[in-house]
N, C-alpha and C. Protein backbone atom coordinates (compact mmCIF):
# COMPACT_ATOMS: atom_id res chain seq x y z
N UNK A 1 101.24 86.95 126.68
CA UNK A 1 99.99 86.52 126.09
C UNK A 1 100.32 85.51 125.00
N UNK A 2 99.64 84.40 125.03
CA UNK A 2 99.91 83.37 124.03
C UNK A 2 99.40 83.83 122.67
N UNK A 3 100.03 83.35 121.58
CA UNK A 3 99.60 83.77 120.25
C UNK A 3 98.13 83.48 119.97
N UNK A 4 97.57 82.44 120.57
CA UNK A 4 96.17 82.11 120.31
C UNK A 4 95.21 83.14 120.93
N UNK A 5 95.70 83.96 121.86
CA UNK A 5 94.85 84.95 122.51
C UNK A 5 94.99 86.33 121.88
N UNK A 6 95.89 86.51 120.93
CA UNK A 6 96.06 87.80 120.27
C UNK A 6 94.86 88.08 119.38
N UNK A 7 94.54 89.35 119.26
CA UNK A 7 93.42 89.76 118.43
C UNK A 7 93.70 89.47 116.96
N UNK A 8 92.70 88.94 116.28
CA UNK A 8 92.77 88.68 114.85
C UNK A 8 91.40 88.97 114.24
N UNK A 9 91.34 89.05 112.93
CA UNK A 9 90.08 89.30 112.24
C UNK A 9 89.03 88.25 112.60
N UNK A 10 89.47 87.03 112.86
CA UNK A 10 88.54 85.96 113.25
C UNK A 10 87.81 86.32 114.54
N UNK A 11 88.46 87.09 115.41
CA UNK A 11 87.79 87.52 116.65
C UNK A 11 86.62 88.44 116.35
N UNK A 12 86.79 89.32 115.38
CA UNK A 12 85.68 90.19 114.98
C UNK A 12 84.55 89.37 114.39
N UNK A 13 84.88 88.35 113.61
CA UNK A 13 83.84 87.48 113.05
C UNK A 13 83.06 86.80 114.17
N UNK A 14 83.75 86.36 115.21
CA UNK A 14 83.06 85.75 116.35
C UNK A 14 82.18 86.78 117.05
N UNK A 15 82.69 87.98 117.20
CA UNK A 15 81.91 89.04 117.82
C UNK A 15 80.64 89.33 117.04
N UNK A 16 80.75 89.33 115.72
CA UNK A 16 79.58 89.60 114.87
C UNK A 16 78.50 88.55 115.10
N UNK A 17 78.90 87.29 115.17
CA UNK A 17 77.91 86.22 115.41
C UNK A 17 77.19 86.46 116.73
N UNK A 18 77.93 86.69 117.80
CA UNK A 18 77.31 86.92 119.10
C UNK A 18 76.53 88.21 119.16
N UNK A 19 77.04 89.25 118.50
CA UNK A 19 76.35 90.53 118.49
C UNK A 19 75.00 90.47 117.81
N UNK A 20 74.96 89.83 116.65
CA UNK A 20 73.69 89.69 115.94
C UNK A 20 72.73 88.78 116.69
N UNK A 21 73.26 87.75 117.29
CA UNK A 21 72.42 86.78 118.00
C UNK A 21 71.61 87.44 119.11
N UNK A 22 72.25 88.28 119.90
CA UNK A 22 71.53 88.88 121.03
C UNK A 22 70.89 90.22 120.70
N UNK A 23 71.31 90.89 119.65
CA UNK A 23 70.69 92.17 119.31
C UNK A 23 69.31 91.98 118.70
N UNK A 24 69.15 90.93 117.92
CA UNK A 24 67.92 90.71 117.17
C UNK A 24 66.64 90.81 117.96
N UNK A 25 66.53 90.07 119.05
CA UNK A 25 65.26 90.11 119.79
C UNK A 25 64.94 91.47 120.40
N UNK A 26 65.93 92.34 120.51
CA UNK A 26 65.69 93.61 121.19
C UNK A 26 65.43 94.77 120.25
N UNK A 27 66.04 94.79 119.08
CA UNK A 27 65.86 95.95 118.20
C UNK A 27 64.62 95.84 117.33
N UNK A 28 63.88 94.76 117.46
CA UNK A 28 62.66 94.62 116.65
C UNK A 28 61.42 94.41 117.52
N UNK A 29 61.50 94.84 118.77
CA UNK A 29 60.32 94.72 119.63
C UNK A 29 59.73 96.10 119.90
N UNK A 30 58.44 96.14 119.93
CA UNK A 30 57.74 97.41 120.14
C UNK A 30 58.10 98.05 121.48
N UNK A 31 58.30 97.23 122.49
CA UNK A 31 58.62 97.78 123.82
C UNK A 31 59.91 98.60 123.80
N UNK A 32 60.92 98.10 123.11
CA UNK A 32 62.19 98.83 123.04
C UNK A 32 61.99 100.15 122.32
N UNK A 33 61.23 100.15 121.26
CA UNK A 33 61.00 101.38 120.50
C UNK A 33 60.13 102.36 121.28
N UNK A 34 59.21 101.86 122.08
CA UNK A 34 58.41 102.73 122.95
C UNK A 34 59.30 103.37 124.01
N UNK A 35 60.18 102.57 124.60
CA UNK A 35 61.14 103.13 125.56
C UNK A 35 62.04 104.16 124.88
N UNK A 36 62.54 103.84 123.71
CA UNK A 36 63.44 104.73 122.99
C UNK A 36 62.78 106.07 122.68
N UNK A 37 61.50 106.04 122.37
CA UNK A 37 60.78 107.28 122.06
C UNK A 37 60.70 108.20 123.27
N UNK A 38 60.77 107.63 124.46
CA UNK A 38 60.62 108.42 125.69
C UNK A 38 61.94 108.68 126.42
N UNK A 39 63.04 108.12 125.92
CA UNK A 39 64.33 108.26 126.61
C UNK A 39 64.86 109.69 126.53
N UNK A 40 65.50 110.11 127.61
CA UNK A 40 66.14 111.42 127.65
C UNK A 40 67.60 111.27 127.19
N UNK A 41 68.26 112.38 127.02
CA UNK A 41 69.67 112.37 126.65
C UNK A 41 70.50 111.68 127.75
N UNK A 42 70.16 111.92 128.99
CA UNK A 42 70.87 111.29 130.10
C UNK A 42 70.70 109.77 130.07
N UNK A 43 69.51 109.32 129.80
CA UNK A 43 69.27 107.88 129.72
C UNK A 43 70.01 107.26 128.54
N UNK A 44 70.05 107.98 127.43
CA UNK A 44 70.78 107.49 126.27
C UNK A 44 72.27 107.40 126.58
N UNK A 45 72.80 108.42 127.23
CA UNK A 45 74.20 108.40 127.63
C UNK A 45 74.48 107.24 128.59
N UNK A 46 73.53 106.96 129.46
CA UNK A 46 73.69 105.83 130.39
C UNK A 46 73.78 104.51 129.63
N UNK A 47 73.00 104.35 128.57
CA UNK A 47 73.08 103.10 127.80
C UNK A 47 74.45 102.97 127.13
N UNK A 48 74.99 104.08 126.67
CA UNK A 48 76.33 104.06 126.06
C UNK A 48 77.36 103.64 127.11
N UNK A 49 77.29 104.22 128.29
CA UNK A 49 78.22 103.86 129.37
C UNK A 49 78.07 102.39 129.77
N UNK A 50 76.86 101.90 129.77
CA UNK A 50 76.63 100.49 130.09
C UNK A 50 77.31 99.60 129.05
N UNK A 51 77.15 99.92 127.78
CA UNK A 51 77.78 99.13 126.72
C UNK A 51 79.30 99.15 126.90
N UNK A 52 79.86 100.32 127.14
CA UNK A 52 81.31 100.42 127.30
C UNK A 52 81.80 99.63 128.52
N UNK A 53 81.09 99.75 129.63
CA UNK A 53 81.51 99.06 130.86
C UNK A 53 81.33 97.55 130.76
N UNK A 54 80.19 97.11 130.25
CA UNK A 54 79.94 95.67 130.13
C UNK A 54 80.93 95.05 129.14
N UNK A 55 81.18 95.74 128.04
CA UNK A 55 82.14 95.23 127.06
C UNK A 55 83.53 95.08 127.65
N UNK A 56 83.98 96.12 128.34
CA UNK A 56 85.32 96.07 128.94
C UNK A 56 85.39 95.01 130.03
N UNK A 57 84.38 94.99 130.87
CA UNK A 57 84.37 94.01 131.96
C UNK A 57 84.35 92.58 131.46
N UNK A 58 83.58 92.32 130.42
CA UNK A 58 83.49 90.97 129.88
C UNK A 58 84.79 90.56 129.21
N UNK A 59 85.41 91.46 128.48
CA UNK A 59 86.65 91.12 127.78
C UNK A 59 87.85 91.01 128.71
N UNK A 60 87.96 91.93 129.67
CA UNK A 60 89.21 92.04 130.41
C UNK A 60 89.12 91.72 131.90
N UNK A 61 87.94 91.66 132.45
CA UNK A 61 87.83 91.33 133.88
C UNK A 61 87.28 89.93 134.07
N UNK A 62 86.41 89.48 133.18
CA UNK A 62 85.83 88.13 133.30
C UNK A 62 86.69 87.10 132.57
N UNK A 63 87.70 87.55 131.85
CA UNK A 63 88.58 86.66 131.10
C UNK A 63 90.02 86.96 131.53
N UNK A 64 90.95 86.19 131.05
CA UNK A 64 92.34 86.36 131.47
C UNK A 64 93.16 87.26 130.54
N UNK A 65 92.50 88.12 129.80
CA UNK A 65 93.21 89.03 128.90
C UNK A 65 93.77 90.22 129.66
N UNK A 66 94.89 90.71 129.18
CA UNK A 66 95.50 91.91 129.73
C UNK A 66 95.44 93.00 128.65
N UNK A 67 94.62 94.03 128.84
CA UNK A 67 94.48 95.06 127.81
C UNK A 67 95.80 95.77 127.51
N UNK A 68 96.72 95.80 128.47
CA UNK A 68 98.00 96.47 128.25
C UNK A 68 98.93 95.68 127.34
N UNK A 69 98.61 94.43 127.11
CA UNK A 69 99.45 93.59 126.26
C UNK A 69 98.86 93.39 124.87
N UNK A 70 97.77 94.08 124.58
CA UNK A 70 97.12 93.96 123.27
C UNK A 70 97.49 95.14 122.38
N UNK A 71 97.37 94.90 121.07
CA UNK A 71 97.55 95.98 120.11
C UNK A 71 96.51 97.05 120.39
N UNK A 72 96.92 98.31 120.28
CA UNK A 72 95.96 99.37 120.56
C UNK A 72 95.95 100.41 119.46
N UNK A 73 94.93 101.22 119.51
CA UNK A 73 94.78 102.35 118.60
C UNK A 73 94.48 103.55 119.48
N UNK A 74 95.42 104.46 119.58
CA UNK A 74 95.25 105.62 120.45
C UNK A 74 95.13 105.25 121.92
N UNK A 75 95.75 104.17 122.31
CA UNK A 75 95.72 103.73 123.70
C UNK A 75 94.55 102.83 124.06
N UNK A 76 93.66 102.56 123.10
CA UNK A 76 92.51 101.71 123.34
C UNK A 76 92.73 100.38 122.60
N UNK A 77 92.58 99.25 123.29
CA UNK A 77 92.80 97.97 122.62
C UNK A 77 91.90 97.80 121.38
N UNK A 78 92.50 97.33 120.30
CA UNK A 78 91.78 97.14 119.05
C UNK A 78 90.63 96.15 119.23
N UNK A 79 90.84 95.11 120.04
CA UNK A 79 89.78 94.12 120.30
C UNK A 79 88.56 94.82 120.91
N UNK A 80 88.79 95.74 121.84
CA UNK A 80 87.71 96.45 122.51
C UNK A 80 87.00 97.39 121.52
N UNK A 81 87.76 98.09 120.70
CA UNK A 81 87.15 98.96 119.68
C UNK A 81 86.29 98.14 118.73
N UNK A 82 86.79 96.98 118.34
CA UNK A 82 86.02 96.09 117.47
C UNK A 82 84.73 95.65 118.16
N UNK A 83 84.83 95.29 119.42
CA UNK A 83 83.67 94.84 120.18
C UNK A 83 82.58 95.91 120.24
N UNK A 84 82.95 97.12 120.57
CA UNK A 84 81.97 98.20 120.68
C UNK A 84 81.37 98.52 119.31
N UNK A 85 82.22 98.55 118.30
CA UNK A 85 81.71 98.79 116.94
C UNK A 85 80.74 97.71 116.50
N UNK A 86 81.09 96.47 116.77
CA UNK A 86 80.20 95.35 116.41
C UNK A 86 78.88 95.45 117.16
N UNK A 87 78.91 95.79 118.43
CA UNK A 87 77.68 95.88 119.22
C UNK A 87 76.71 96.89 118.62
N UNK A 88 77.22 98.07 118.30
CA UNK A 88 76.34 99.10 117.76
C UNK A 88 75.94 98.82 116.30
N UNK A 89 76.90 98.39 115.51
CA UNK A 89 76.59 98.14 114.10
C UNK A 89 75.64 96.97 113.91
N UNK A 90 75.79 95.92 114.68
CA UNK A 90 74.87 94.79 114.52
C UNK A 90 73.45 95.19 114.90
N UNK A 91 73.31 95.96 115.97
CA UNK A 91 71.97 96.43 116.36
C UNK A 91 71.40 97.36 115.28
N UNK A 92 72.22 98.25 114.75
CA UNK A 92 71.75 99.18 113.71
C UNK A 92 71.39 98.46 112.41
N UNK A 93 72.24 97.53 111.99
CA UNK A 93 71.98 96.81 110.75
C UNK A 93 70.68 96.01 110.86
N UNK A 94 70.48 95.36 111.98
CA UNK A 94 69.24 94.59 112.15
C UNK A 94 68.02 95.50 112.15
N UNK A 95 68.10 96.60 112.89
CA UNK A 95 66.95 97.52 112.96
C UNK A 95 66.62 98.07 111.58
N UNK A 96 67.63 98.48 110.85
CA UNK A 96 67.39 99.09 109.53
C UNK A 96 67.00 98.06 108.48
N UNK A 97 67.65 96.92 108.48
CA UNK A 97 67.35 95.92 107.45
C UNK A 97 65.96 95.31 107.62
N UNK A 98 65.45 95.33 108.84
CA UNK A 98 64.11 94.79 109.08
C UNK A 98 63.04 95.87 109.08
N UNK A 99 63.43 97.12 108.80
CA UNK A 99 62.46 98.20 108.69
C UNK A 99 61.85 98.65 110.00
N UNK A 100 62.55 98.44 111.09
CA UNK A 100 61.99 98.80 112.40
C UNK A 100 61.67 100.29 112.54
N UNK A 101 62.51 101.20 112.09
CA UNK A 101 62.16 102.63 112.25
C UNK A 101 60.84 103.00 111.59
N UNK A 102 60.60 102.51 110.39
CA UNK A 102 59.35 102.81 109.70
C UNK A 102 58.15 102.15 110.34
N UNK A 103 58.39 101.00 110.97
CA UNK A 103 57.30 100.29 111.64
C UNK A 103 56.94 100.92 112.97
N UNK A 104 57.95 101.28 113.75
CA UNK A 104 57.70 101.73 115.12
C UNK A 104 57.66 103.25 115.28
N UNK A 105 58.09 104.00 114.27
CA UNK A 105 58.00 105.46 114.31
C UNK A 105 57.42 105.93 112.97
N UNK A 106 56.23 105.44 112.63
CA UNK A 106 55.69 105.72 111.29
C UNK A 106 55.29 107.17 111.07
N UNK A 107 54.89 107.87 112.12
CA UNK A 107 54.39 109.23 111.96
C UNK A 107 55.43 110.29 112.28
N UNK A 108 56.61 109.87 112.66
CA UNK A 108 57.65 110.84 113.02
C UNK A 108 58.32 111.42 111.80
N UNK A 109 58.83 112.62 111.98
CA UNK A 109 59.62 113.24 110.92
C UNK A 109 60.98 112.56 110.85
N UNK A 110 61.78 112.99 109.90
CA UNK A 110 63.09 112.38 109.68
C UNK A 110 63.98 112.49 110.91
N UNK A 111 64.02 113.66 111.53
CA UNK A 111 64.88 113.86 112.70
C UNK A 111 64.38 113.02 113.87
N UNK A 112 63.08 113.04 114.10
CA UNK A 112 62.53 112.24 115.20
C UNK A 112 62.79 110.76 114.97
N UNK A 113 62.58 110.29 113.78
CA UNK A 113 62.81 108.88 113.46
C UNK A 113 64.28 108.51 113.69
N UNK A 114 65.18 109.41 113.28
CA UNK A 114 66.61 109.17 113.46
C UNK A 114 66.97 109.10 114.94
N UNK A 115 66.46 110.04 115.73
CA UNK A 115 66.78 110.07 117.16
C UNK A 115 66.23 108.84 117.89
N UNK A 116 65.01 108.46 117.58
CA UNK A 116 64.43 107.27 118.21
C UNK A 116 65.21 106.03 117.79
N UNK A 117 65.61 105.98 116.53
CA UNK A 117 66.38 104.84 116.04
C UNK A 117 67.72 104.74 116.77
N UNK A 118 68.40 105.86 116.93
CA UNK A 118 69.68 105.86 117.65
C UNK A 118 69.50 105.39 119.09
N UNK A 119 68.42 105.82 119.72
CA UNK A 119 68.17 105.39 121.11
C UNK A 119 67.82 103.92 121.17
N UNK A 120 67.02 103.43 120.23
CA UNK A 120 66.68 102.00 120.19
C UNK A 120 67.93 101.16 119.93
N UNK A 121 68.78 101.63 119.05
CA UNK A 121 70.04 100.92 118.78
C UNK A 121 70.91 100.91 120.03
N UNK A 122 70.91 102.00 120.78
CA UNK A 122 71.71 102.03 122.01
C UNK A 122 71.20 101.03 123.04
N UNK A 123 69.91 100.81 123.08
CA UNK A 123 69.35 99.79 123.97
C UNK A 123 69.73 98.40 123.46
N UNK A 124 69.56 98.17 122.17
CA UNK A 124 69.92 96.87 121.59
C UNK A 124 71.39 96.56 121.75
N UNK A 125 72.25 97.59 121.72
CA UNK A 125 73.69 97.39 121.85
C UNK A 125 74.07 96.86 123.23
N UNK A 126 73.27 97.14 124.25
CA UNK A 126 73.54 96.59 125.58
C UNK A 126 73.57 95.07 125.52
N UNK A 127 72.62 94.51 124.83
CA UNK A 127 72.53 93.05 124.74
C UNK A 127 73.49 92.51 123.69
N UNK A 128 73.67 93.27 122.63
CA UNK A 128 74.58 92.86 121.58
C UNK A 128 76.01 92.74 122.10
N UNK A 129 76.43 93.68 122.94
CA UNK A 129 77.80 93.65 123.45
C UNK A 129 78.02 92.42 124.33
N UNK A 130 76.98 92.00 125.03
CA UNK A 130 77.10 90.78 125.85
C UNK A 130 77.34 89.58 124.96
N UNK A 131 76.56 89.45 123.90
CA UNK A 131 76.73 88.33 122.98
C UNK A 131 78.07 88.38 122.27
N UNK A 132 78.48 89.58 121.83
CA UNK A 132 79.74 89.73 121.11
C UNK A 132 80.93 89.39 121.99
N UNK A 133 80.92 89.90 123.21
CA UNK A 133 82.05 89.64 124.13
C UNK A 133 82.08 88.18 124.55
N UNK A 134 80.93 87.60 124.75
CA UNK A 134 80.88 86.19 125.17
C UNK A 134 81.44 85.29 124.09
N UNK A 135 81.02 85.48 122.86
CA UNK A 135 81.53 84.62 121.79
C UNK A 135 83.02 84.86 121.57
N UNK A 136 83.48 86.09 121.72
CA UNK A 136 84.90 86.38 121.59
C UNK A 136 85.68 85.64 122.68
N UNK A 137 85.15 85.63 123.88
CA UNK A 137 85.84 85.00 125.01
C UNK A 137 85.78 83.47 124.96
N UNK A 138 84.72 82.92 124.41
CA UNK A 138 84.56 81.46 124.39
C UNK A 138 85.39 80.78 123.32
N UNK A 139 85.55 81.44 122.19
CA UNK A 139 86.19 80.77 121.06
C UNK A 139 87.54 81.36 120.74
């Protein structure tokens, strides 16, 4: 692997740009929050699996990276861990900083609001991971 393809902090910065770019339109729309309010545990787990699969596929199958040649943490490439973290955190930061839980779950209790927020963030992370992986791969 050439030195220019090794993971660096700049890669996380690129991921953040792409993650925020695509998460924004999804974590602040009423439709996503309506879906999140009705999602089951199985559906929530499916969104997590989608994020993991799309992230891995975009980083290592759609690009020329070899995950076995990258620095890892517990056997998982650090670049991939960064990507997944960025996907979820960017969706969560946007939802919380823009007050989406209070807007879209105004009558729910604390636990209900938290659960709906986690599900909405999991939906937003699907799109965030696409943006994060794409910017990581392009630059």
